[in-house]
PDB file of all heavy atoms in Angstrom:
ATOM      1  N   ILE A   1     133.094 106.624 120.581  1.00  0.00           N
ATOM      2  CA  ILE A   1     132.521 105.723 121.578  1.00  0.00           C
ATOM      3  C   ILE A   1     133.032 104.300 121.414  1.00  0.00           C
ATOM      4  O   ILE A   1     133.123 103.543 122.374  1.00  0.00           O
ATOM      5  CB  ILE A   1     130.985 105.790 121.499  1.00  0.00           C
ATOM      6  CG1 ILE A   1     130.527 107.156 122.001  1.00  0.00           C
ATOM      7  CG2 ILE A   1     130.324 104.679 122.304  1.00  0.00           C
ATOM      8  CD1 ILE A   1     129.057 107.376 122.019  1.00  0.00           C
ATOM      9  N   LEU A   2     133.389 103.951 120.199  1.00  0.00           N
ATOM     10  CA  LEU A   2     133.843 102.583 119.921  1.00  0.00           C
ATOM     11  C   LEU A   2     134.916 102.638 118.846  1.00  0.00           C
ATOM     12  O   LEU A   2     134.777 103.389 117.877  1.00  0.00           O
ATOM     13  CB  LEU A   2     132.661 101.738 119.430  1.00  0.00           C
ATOM     14  CG  LEU A   2     132.836 100.220 119.409  1.00  0.00           C
ATOM     15  CD1 LEU A   2     132.899  99.681 120.836  1.00  0.00           C
ATOM     16  CD2 LEU A   2     131.665  99.577 118.665  1.00  0.00           C
ATOM     17  N   GLY A   3     135.993 101.882 119.036  1.00  0.00           N
ATOM     18  CA  GLY A   3     137.011 101.781 118.001  1.00  0.00           C
ATOM     19  C   GLY A   3     138.308 102.478 118.337  1.00  0.00           C
ATOM     20  O   GLY A   3     138.578 102.807 119.489  1.00  0.00           O
ATOM     21  N   SER A   4     139.114 102.731 117.301  1.00  0.00           N
ATOM     22  CA  SER A   4     140.445 103.312 117.462  1.00  0.00           C
ATOM     23  C   SER A   4     140.580 104.582 116.637  1.00  0.00           C
ATOM     24  O   SER A   4     140.173 104.620 115.470  1.00  0.00           O
ATOM     25  CB  SER A   4     141.518 102.312 117.018  1.00  0.00           C
ATOM     26  OG  SER A   4     142.780 102.929 116.919  1.00  0.00           O
ATOM     27  N   SER A   5     141.171 105.595 117.241  1.00  0.00           N
ATOM     28  CA  SER A   5     141.400 106.847 116.515  1.00  0.00           C
ATOM     29  C   SER A   5     142.432 106.665 115.399  1.00  0.00           C
ATOM     30  O   SER A   5     142.501 107.463 114.467  1.00  0.00           O
ATOM     31  CB  SER A   5     141.881 107.938 117.478  1.00  0.00           C
ATOM     32  OG  SER A   5     143.111 107.570 118.075  1.00  0.00           O
ATOM     33  N   ARG A   6     143.223 105.588 115.479  1.00  0.00           N
ATOM     34  CA  ARG A   6     144.262 105.338 114.476  1.00  0.00           C
ATOM     35  C   ARG A   6     143.763 104.505 113.294  1.00  0.00           C
ATOM     36  O   ARG A   6     144.500 104.277 112.336  1.00  0.00           O
ATOM     37  CB  ARG A   6     145.444 104.631 115.127  1.00  0.00           C
ATOM     38  CG  ARG A   6     146.106 105.435 116.236  1.00  0.00           C
ATOM     39  CD  ARG A   6     147.311 104.723 116.801  1.00  0.00           C
ATOM     40  NE  ARG A   6     146.953 103.443 117.395  1.00  0.00           N
ATOM     41  CZ  ARG A   6     146.484 103.289 118.629  1.00  0.00           C
ATOM     42  NH1 ARG A   6     146.306 104.354 119.398  1.00  0.00           N
ATOM     43  NH2 ARG A   6     146.188 102.091 119.112  1.00  0.00           N
ATOM     44  N   GLN A   7     142.515 104.064 113.360  1.00  0.00           N
ATOM     45  CA  GLN A   7     141.971 103.216 112.303  1.00  0.00           C
ATOM     46  C   GLN A   7     141.915 103.963 110.967  1.00  0.00           C
ATOM     47  O   GLN A   7     141.474 105.105 110.887  1.00  0.00           O
ATOM     48  CB  GLN A   7     140.556 102.754 112.677  1.00  0.00           C
ATOM     49  CG  GLN A   7     139.898 101.869 111.636  1.00  0.00           C
ATOM     50  CD  GLN A   7     138.501 101.453 112.056  1.00  0.00           C
ATOM     51  OE1 GLN A   7     138.032 101.832 113.125  1.00  0.00           O
ATOM     52  NE2 GLN A   7     137.829 100.671 111.226  1.00  0.00           N
ATOM     53  N   VAL A   8     142.358 103.317 109.889  1.00  0.00           N
ATOM     54  CA  VAL A   8     142.243 103.879 108.549  1.00  0.00           C
ATOM     55  C   VAL A   8     140.790 103.771 108.102  1.00  0.00           C
ATOM     56  O   VAL A   8     140.152 102.727 108.246  1.00  0.00           O
ATOM     57  CB  VAL A   8     143.161 103.138 107.557  1.00  0.00           C
ATOM     58  CG1 VAL A   8     142.923 103.641 106.129  1.00  0.00           C
ATOM     59  CG2 VAL A   8     144.620 103.322 107.943  1.00  0.00           C
ATOM     60  N   VAL A   9     140.253 104.865 107.571  1.00  0.00           N
ATOM     61  CA  VAL A   9     138.839 104.923 107.187  1.00  0.00           C
ATOM     62  C   VAL A   9     138.711 105.135 105.680  1.00  0.00           C
ATOM     63  O   VAL A   9     139.267 106.082 105.122  1.00  0.00           O
ATOM     64  CB  VAL A   9     138.110 106.063 107.936  1.00  0.00           C
ATOM     65  CG1 VAL A   9     136.668 106.196 107.438  1.00  0.00           C
ATOM     66  CG2 VAL A   9     138.126 105.806 109.440  1.00  0.00           C
ATOM     67  N   GLU A  10     137.973 104.250 105.057  1.00  0.00           N
ATOM     68  CA  GLU A  10     137.681 104.375 103.628  1.00  0.00           C
ATOM     69  C   GLU A  10     136.189 104.544 103.363  1.00  0.00           C
ATOM     70  O   GLU A  10     135.796 105.115 102.358  1.00  0.00           O
ATOM     71  CB  GLU A  10     138.204 103.155 102.871  1.00  0.00           C
ATOM     72  CG  GLU A  10     139.732 103.024 102.904  1.00  0.00           C
ATOM     73  CD  GLU A  10     140.230 101.814 102.147  1.00  0.00           C
ATOM     74  OE1 GLU A  10     139.386 100.979 101.737  1.00  0.00           O
ATOM     75  OE2 GLU A  10     141.454 101.693 101.960  1.00  0.00           O
ATOM     76  N   LYS A  11     135.348 104.035 104.289  1.00  0.00           N
ATOM     77  CA  LYS A  11     133.903 104.131 104.127  1.00  0.00           C
ATOM     78  C   LYS A  11     133.258 104.590 105.437  1.00  0.00           C
ATOM     79  O   LYS A  11     133.564 104.054 106.502  1.00  0.00           O
ATOM     80  CB  LYS A  11     133.303 102.790 103.711  1.00  0.00           C
ATOM     81  CG  LYS A  11     133.707 102.331 102.306  1.00  0.00           C
ATOM     82  CD  LYS A  11     132.997 101.024 101.953  1.00  0.00           C
ATOM     83  CE  LYS A  11     133.341 100.573 100.543  1.00  0.00           C
ATOM     84  NZ  LYS A  11     132.626  99.310 100.189  1.00  0.00           N
ATOM     85  N   VAL A  12     132.354 105.558 105.307  1.00  0.00           N
ATOM     86  CA  VAL A  12     131.658 106.116 106.474  1.00  0.00           C
ATOM     87  C   VAL A  12     130.159 105.990 106.258  1.00  0.00           C
ATOM     88  O   VAL A  12     129.647 106.260 105.162  1.00  0.00           O
ATOM     89  CB  VAL A  12     132.023 107.598 106.690  1.00  0.00           C
ATOM     90  CG1 VAL A  12     131.232 108.192 107.858  1.00  0.00           C
ATOM     91  CG2 VAL A  12     133.520 107.752 106.923  1.00  0.00           C
ATOM     92  N   LEU A  13     129.448 105.607 107.308  1.00  0.00           N
ATOM     93  CA  LEU A  13     127.988 105.535 107.288  1.00  0.00           C
ATOM     94  C   LEU A  13     127.453 106.524 108.321  1.00  0.00           C
ATOM     95  O   LEU A  13     127.885 106.512 109.479  1.00  0.00           O
ATOM     96  CB  LEU A  13     127.517 104.125 107.630  1.00  0.00           C
ATOM     97  CG  LEU A  13     126.016 103.847 107.506  1.00  0.00           C
ATOM     98  CD1 LEU A  13     125.581 103.895 106.043  1.00  0.00           C
ATOM     99  CD2 LEU A  13     125.660 102.491 108.128  1.00  0.00           C
ATOM    100  N   VAL A  14     126.515 107.375 107.916  1.00  0.00           N
ATOM    101  CA  VAL A  14     125.953 108.389 108.806  1.00  0.00           C
ATOM    102  C   VAL A  14     124.511 108.012 109.134  1.00  0.00           C
ATOM    103  O   VAL A  14     123.735 107.634 108.245  1.00  0.00           O
ATOM    104  CB  VAL A  14     126.006 109.790 108.169  1.00  0.00           C
ATOM    105  CG1 VAL A  14     125.473 110.839 109.148  1.00  0.00           C
ATOM    106  CG2 VAL A  14     127.430 110.134 107.742  1.00  0.00           C
ATOM    107  N   CYS A  15     124.151 108.118 110.410  1.00  0.00           N
ATOM    108  CA  CYS A  15     122.804 107.726 110.834  1.00  0.00           C
ATOM    109  C   CYS A  15     122.364 108.546 112.040  1.00  0.00           C
ATOM    110  O   CYS A  15     123.163 109.270 112.642  1.00  0.00           O
ATOM    111  CB  CYS A  15     122.759 106.241 111.175  1.00  0.00           C
ATOM    112  SG  CYS A  15     123.822 105.790 112.566  1.00  0.00           S
ATOM    113  N   LEU A  16     121.100 108.393 112.384  1.00  0.00           N
ATOM    114  CA  LEU A  16     120.574 109.011 113.593  1.00  0.00           C
ATOM    115  C   LEU A  16     120.835 108.108 114.793  1.00  0.00           C
ATOM    116  O   LEU A  16     121.292 108.553 115.839  1.00  0.00           O
ATOM    117  CB  LEU A  16     119.076 109.261 113.426  1.00  0.00           C
ATOM    118  CG  LEU A  16     118.418 110.293 114.338  1.00  0.00           C
ATOM    119  CD1 LEU A  16     119.042 111.655 114.143  1.00  0.00           C
ATOM    120  CD2 LEU A  16     116.917 110.347 114.063  1.00  0.00           C
ATOM    121  N   ASP A  17     120.563 106.801 114.616  1.00  0.00           N
ATOM    122  CA  ASP A  17     120.724 105.829 115.695  1.00  0.00           C
ATOM    123  C   ASP A  17     121.457 104.600 115.186  1.00  0.00           C
ATOM    124  O   ASP A  17     121.209 104.131 114.068  1.00  0.00           O
ATOM    125  CB  ASP A  17     119.356 105.384 116.229  1.00  0.00           C
ATOM    126  CG  ASP A  17     118.569 106.518 116.837  1.00  0.00           C
ATOM    127  OD1 ASP A  17     118.801 106.821 118.021  1.00  0.00           O
ATOM    128  OD2 ASP A  17     117.737 107.109 116.126  1.00  0.00           O
ATOM    129  N   VAL A  18     122.336 104.038 116.029  1.00  0.00           N
ATOM    130  CA  VAL A  18     123.017 102.789 115.686  1.00  0.00           C
ATOM    131  C   VAL A  18     122.147 101.637 116.179  1.00  0.00           C
ATOM    132  O   VAL A  18     122.245 101.202 117.326  1.00  0.00           O
ATOM    133  CB  VAL A  18     124.426 102.721 116.308  1.00  0.00           C
ATOM    134  CG1 VAL A  18     125.146 101.469 115.811  1.00  0.00           C
ATOM    135  CG2 VAL A  18     125.232 103.958 115.951  1.00  0.00           C
ATOM    136  N   THR A  19     121.278 101.159 115.308  1.00  0.00           N
ATOM    137  CA  THR A  19     120.415 100.037 115.624  1.00  0.00           C
ATOM    138  C   THR A  19     121.036  98.759 115.071  1.00  0.00           C
ATOM    139  O   THR A  19     122.054  98.795 114.369  1.00  0.00           O
ATOM    140  CB  THR A  19     119.026 100.233 115.000  1.00  0.00           C
ATOM    141  OG1 THR A  19     119.187 100.299 113.568  1.00  0.00           O
ATOM    142  CG2 THR A  19     118.383 101.515 115.487  1.00  0.00           C
ATOM    143  N   ASP A  20     120.385  97.634 115.361  1.00  0.00           N
ATOM    144  CA  ASP A  20     120.867  96.353 114.843  1.00  0.00           C
ATOM    145  C   ASP A  20     120.851  96.350 113.316  1.00  0.00           C
ATOM    146  O   ASP A  20     121.781  95.851 112.673  1.00  0.00           O
ATOM    147  CB  ASP A  20     119.999  95.219 115.387  1.00  0.00           C
ATOM    148  CG  ASP A  20     120.528  93.844 115.007  1.00  0.00           C
ATOM    149  OD1 ASP A  20     121.683  93.544 115.356  1.00  0.00           O
ATOM    150  OD2 ASP A  20     119.799  93.088 114.344  1.00  0.00           O
ATOM    151  N   LYS A  21     119.803  96.928 112.716  1.00  0.00           N
ATOM    152  CA  LYS A  21     119.723  96.978 111.258  1.00  0.00           C
ATOM    153  C   LYS A  21     120.823  97.851 110.666  1.00  0.00           C
ATOM    154  O   LYS A  21     121.403  97.518 109.626  1.00  0.00           O
ATOM    155  CB  LYS A  21     118.352  97.505 110.822  1.00  0.00           C
ATOM    156  CG  LYS A  21     117.216  96.528 111.013  1.00  0.00           C
ATOM    157  CD  LYS A  21     115.916  97.098 110.472  1.00  0.00           C
ATOM    158  CE  LYS A  21     114.779  96.102 110.604  1.00  0.00           C
ATOM    159  NZ  LYS A  21     113.500  96.656 110.071  1.00  0.00           N
ATOM    160  N   VAL A  22     121.114  98.972 111.321  1.00  0.00           N
ATOM    161  CA  VAL A  22     122.184  99.857 110.842  1.00  0.00           C
ATOM    162  C   VAL A  22     123.540  99.155 110.966  1.00  0.00           C
ATOM    163  O   VAL A  22     124.389  99.263 110.075  1.00  0.00           O
ATOM    164  CB  VAL A  22     122.176 101.190 111.621  1.00  0.00           C
ATOM    165  CG1 VAL A  22     123.417 102.017 111.296  1.00  0.00           C
ATOM    166  CG2 VAL A  22     120.914 101.980 111.292  1.00  0.00           C
ATOM    167  N   ALA A  23     123.746  98.436 112.067  1.00  0.00           N
ATOM    168  CA  ALA A  23     124.999  97.704 112.252  1.00  0.00           C
ATOM    169  C   ALA A  23     125.183  96.649 111.164  1.00  0.00           C
ATOM    170  O   ALA A  23     126.277  96.493 110.602  1.00  0.00           O
ATOM    171  CB  ALA A  23     125.037  97.059 113.636  1.00  0.00           C
ATOM    172  N   GLU A  24     124.117  95.922 110.840  1.00  0.00           N
ATOM    173  CA  GLU A  24     124.197  94.905 109.786  1.00  0.00           C
ATOM    174  C   GLU A  24     124.462  95.557 108.427  1.00  0.00           C
ATOM    175  O   GLU A  24     125.193  95.018 107.589  1.00  0.00           O
ATOM    176  CB  GLU A  24     122.904  94.089 109.736  1.00  0.00           C
ATOM    177  CG  GLU A  24     122.748  93.117 110.895  1.00  0.00           C
ATOM    178  CD  GLU A  24     123.849  92.070 110.930  1.00  0.00           C
ATOM    179  OE1 GLU A  24     124.421  91.752 109.867  1.00  0.00           O
ATOM    180  OE2 GLU A  24     124.160  91.574 112.036  1.00  0.00           O
ATOM    181  N   GLU A  25     123.853  96.712 108.213  1.00  0.00           N
ATOM    182  CA  GLU A  25     124.101  97.474 106.985  1.00  0.00           C
ATOM    183  C   GLU A  25     125.567  97.858 106.889  1.00  0.00           C
ATOM    184  O   GLU A  25     126.194  97.764 105.824  1.00  0.00           O
ATOM    185  CB  GLU A  25     123.220  98.725 106.981  1.00  0.00           C
ATOM    186  CG  GLU A  25     123.401  99.637 105.778  1.00  0.00           C
ATOM    187  CD  GLU A  25     122.605 100.918 105.901  1.00  0.00           C
ATOM    188  OE1 GLU A  25     122.202 101.268 107.041  1.00  0.00           O
ATOM    189  OE2 GLU A  25     122.378 101.578 104.877  1.00  0.00           O
ATOM    190  N   ALA A  26     126.141  98.285 108.017  1.00  0.00           N
ATOM    191  CA  ALA A  26     127.557  98.667 108.044  1.00  0.00           C
ATOM    192  C   ALA A  26     128.458  97.473 107.755  1.00  0.00           C
ATOM    193  O   ALA A  26     129.429  97.577 106.997  1.00  0.00           O
ATOM    194  CB  ALA A  26     127.897  99.280 109.400  1.00  0.00           C
ATOM    195  N   VAL A  27     128.140  96.340 108.347  1.00  0.00           N
ATOM    196  CA  VAL A  27     128.935  95.130 108.121  1.00  0.00           C
ATOM    197  C   VAL A  27     128.858  94.710 106.655  1.00  0.00           C
ATOM    198  O   VAL A  27     129.882  94.404 106.013  1.00  0.00           O
ATOM    199  CB  VAL A  27     128.447  93.982 109.035  1.00  0.00           C
ATOM    200  CG1 VAL A  27     129.142  92.671 108.656  1.00  0.00           C
ATOM    201  CG2 VAL A  27     128.709  94.323 110.501  1.00  0.00           C
ATOM    202  N   SER A  28     127.655  94.712 106.100  1.00  0.00           N
ATOM    203  CA  SER A  28     127.446  94.278 104.710  1.00  0.00           C
ATOM    204  C   SER A  28     128.169  95.174 103.708  1.00  0.00           C
ATOM    205  O   SER A  28     128.585  94.710 102.640  1.00  0.00           O
ATOM    206  CB  SER A  28     125.949  94.254 104.381  1.00  0.00           C
ATOM    207  OG  SER A  28     125.262  93.341 105.210  1.00  0.00           O
ATOM    208  N   ASN A  29     128.315  96.449 104.039  1.00  0.00           N
ATOM    209  CA  ASN A  29     128.912  97.404 103.102  1.00  0.00           C
ATOM    210  C   ASN A  29     130.372  97.725 103.408  1.00  0.00           C
ATOM    211  O   ASN A  29     130.942  98.639 102.820  1.00  0.00           O
ATOM    212  CB  ASN A  29     128.094  98.694 103.080  1.00  0.00           C
ATOM    213  CG  ASN A  29     126.744  98.515 102.408  1.00  0.00           C
ATOM    214  OD1 ASN A  29     126.646  98.469 101.190  1.00  0.00           O
ATOM    215  ND2 ASN A  29     125.693  98.392 103.213  1.00  0.00           N
ATOM    216  N   GLY A  30     130.971  96.967 104.324  1.00  0.00           N
ATOM    217  CA  GLY A  30     132.385  97.172 104.629  1.00  0.00           C
ATOM    218  C   GLY A  30     132.697  98.532 105.217  1.00  0.00           C
ATOM    219  O   GLY A  30     133.749  99.120 104.949  1.00  0.00           O
ATOM    220  N   ILE A  31     131.800  99.039 106.056  1.00  0.00           N
ATOM    221  CA  ILE A  31     131.962 100.363 106.666  1.00  0.00           C
ATOM    222  C   ILE A  31     133.053 100.318 107.737  1.00  0.00           C
ATOM    223  O   ILE A  31     133.151  99.366 108.506  1.00  0.00           O
ATOM    224  CB  ILE A  31     130.630 100.839 107.282  1.00  0.00           C
ATOM    225  CG1 ILE A  31     129.556 100.996 106.202  1.00  0.00           C
ATOM    226  CG2 ILE A  31     130.822 102.130 108.076  1.00  0.00           C
ATOM    227  CD1 ILE A  31     129.854 102.039 105.159  1.00  0.00           C
ATOM    228  N   ASP A  32     133.872 101.374 107.768  1.00  0.00           N
ATOM    229  CA  ASP A  32     134.924 101.488 108.781  1.00  0.00           C
ATOM    230  C   ASP A  32     134.493 102.341 109.963  1.00  0.00           C
ATOM    231  O   ASP A  32     134.925 102.110 111.099  1.00  0.00           O
ATOM    232  CB  ASP A  32     136.186 102.106 108.164  1.00  0.00           C
ATOM    233  CG  ASP A  32     136.679 101.327 106.958  1.00  0.00           C
ATOM    234  OD1 ASP A  32     136.997 100.138 107.129  1.00  0.00           O
ATOM    235  OD2 ASP A  32     136.731 101.902 105.853  1.00  0.00           O
ATOM    236  N   LEU A  33     133.646 103.352 109.694  1.00  0.00           N
ATOM    237  CA  LEU A  33     133.246 104.298 110.743  1.00  0.00           C
ATOM    238  C   LEU A  33     131.777 104.650 110.589  1.00  0.00           C
ATOM    239  O   LEU A  33     131.329 105.025 109.499  1.00  0.00           O
ATOM    240  CB  LEU A  33     134.088 105.572 110.664  1.00  0.00           C
ATOM    241  CG  LEU A  33     133.681 106.744 111.569  1.00  0.00           C
ATOM    242  CD1 LEU A  33     133.853 106.394 113.036  1.00  0.00           C
ATOM    243  CD2 LEU A  33     134.479 107.999 111.216  1.00  0.00           C
ATOM    244  N   ILE A  34     131.038 104.523 111.693  1.00  0.00           N
ATOM    245  CA  ILE A  34     129.657 104.998 111.752  1.00  0.00           C
ATOM    246  C   ILE A  34     129.649 106.331 112.500  1.00  0.00           C
ATOM    247  O   ILE A  34     130.215 106.438 113.591  1.00  0.00           O
ATOM    248  CB  ILE A  34     128.735 104.009 112.478  1.00  0.00           C
ATOM    249  CG1 ILE A  34     128.643 102.689 111.701  1.00  0.00           C
ATOM    250  CG2 ILE A  34     127.343 104.605 112.658  1.00  0.00           C
ATOM    251  CD1 ILE A  34     127.851 101.608 112.441  1.00  0.00           C
ATOM    252  N   VAL A  35     129.027 107.337 111.913  1.00  0.00           N
ATOM    253  CA  VAL A  35     128.828 108.626 112.583  1.00  0.00           C
ATOM    254  C   VAL A  35     127.348 108.733 112.913  1.00  0.00           C
ATOM    255  O   VAL A  35     126.497 108.761 112.017  1.00  0.00           O
ATOM    256  CB  VAL A  35     129.265 109.803 111.686  1.00  0.00           C
ATOM    257  CG1 VAL A  35     128.928 111.133 112.362  1.00  0.00           C
ATOM    258  CG2 VAL A  35     130.755 109.731 111.388  1.00  0.00           C
ATOM    259  N   SER A  36     127.027 108.747 114.199  1.00  0.00           N
ATOM    260  CA  SER A  36     125.626 108.798 114.631  1.00  0.00           C
ATOM    261  C   SER A  36     125.356 110.066 115.426  1.00  0.00           C
ATOM    262  O   SER A  36     126.273 110.691 115.961  1.00  0.00           O
ATOM    263  CB  SER A  36     125.287 107.576 115.487  1.00  0.00           C
ATOM    264  OG  SER A  36     125.873 107.679 116.774  1.00  0.00           O
ATOM    265  N   HIS A  37     124.069 110.409 115.486  1.00  0.00           N
ATOM    266  CA  HIS A  37     123.667 111.533 116.335  1.00  0.00           C
ATOM    267  C   HIS A  37     123.465 111.059 117.772  1.00  0.00           C
ATOM    268  O   HIS A  37     124.102 111.550 118.695  1.00  0.00           O
ATOM    269  CB  HIS A  37     122.395 112.177 115.797  1.00  0.00           C
ATOM    270  CG  HIS A  37     121.861 113.275 116.663  1.00  0.00           C
ATOM    271  ND1 HIS A  37     122.660 114.287 117.159  1.00  0.00           N
ATOM    272  CD2 HIS A  37     120.607 113.524 117.141  1.00  0.00           C
ATOM    273  CE1 HIS A  37     121.926 115.113 117.893  1.00  0.00           C
ATOM    274  NE2 HIS A  37     120.679 114.661 117.900  1.00  0.00           N
ATOM    275  N   HIS A  38     122.620 110.081 117.965  1.00  0.00           N
ATOM    276  CA  HIS A  38     122.382 109.562 119.312  1.00  0.00           C
ATOM    277  C   HIS A  38     123.508 108.604 119.706  1.00  0.00           C
ATOM    278  O   HIS A  38     123.923 107.771 118.897  1.00  0.00           O
ATOM    279  CB  HIS A  38     121.028 108.850 119.376  1.00  0.00           C
ATOM    280  CG  HIS A  38     119.873 109.766 119.139  1.00  0.00           C
ATOM    281  ND1 HIS A  38     118.858 109.498 118.236  1.00  0.00           N
ATOM    282  CD2 HIS A  38     119.576 110.983 119.669  1.00  0.00           C
ATOM    283  CE1 HIS A  38     117.992 110.494 118.245  1.00  0.00           C
ATOM    284  NE2 HIS A  38     118.407 111.403 119.103  1.00  0.00           N
TER     285      HIS A  38
END
């Protein structure tokens, strides 16, 4: 839904929903890809 298929991924965060708190968590932890259900 967002980003590039060519992006190199070193860190993945898995969640149910991409909320503001989850996004901040991803930024703080240097996440490259979020995998969500919703």
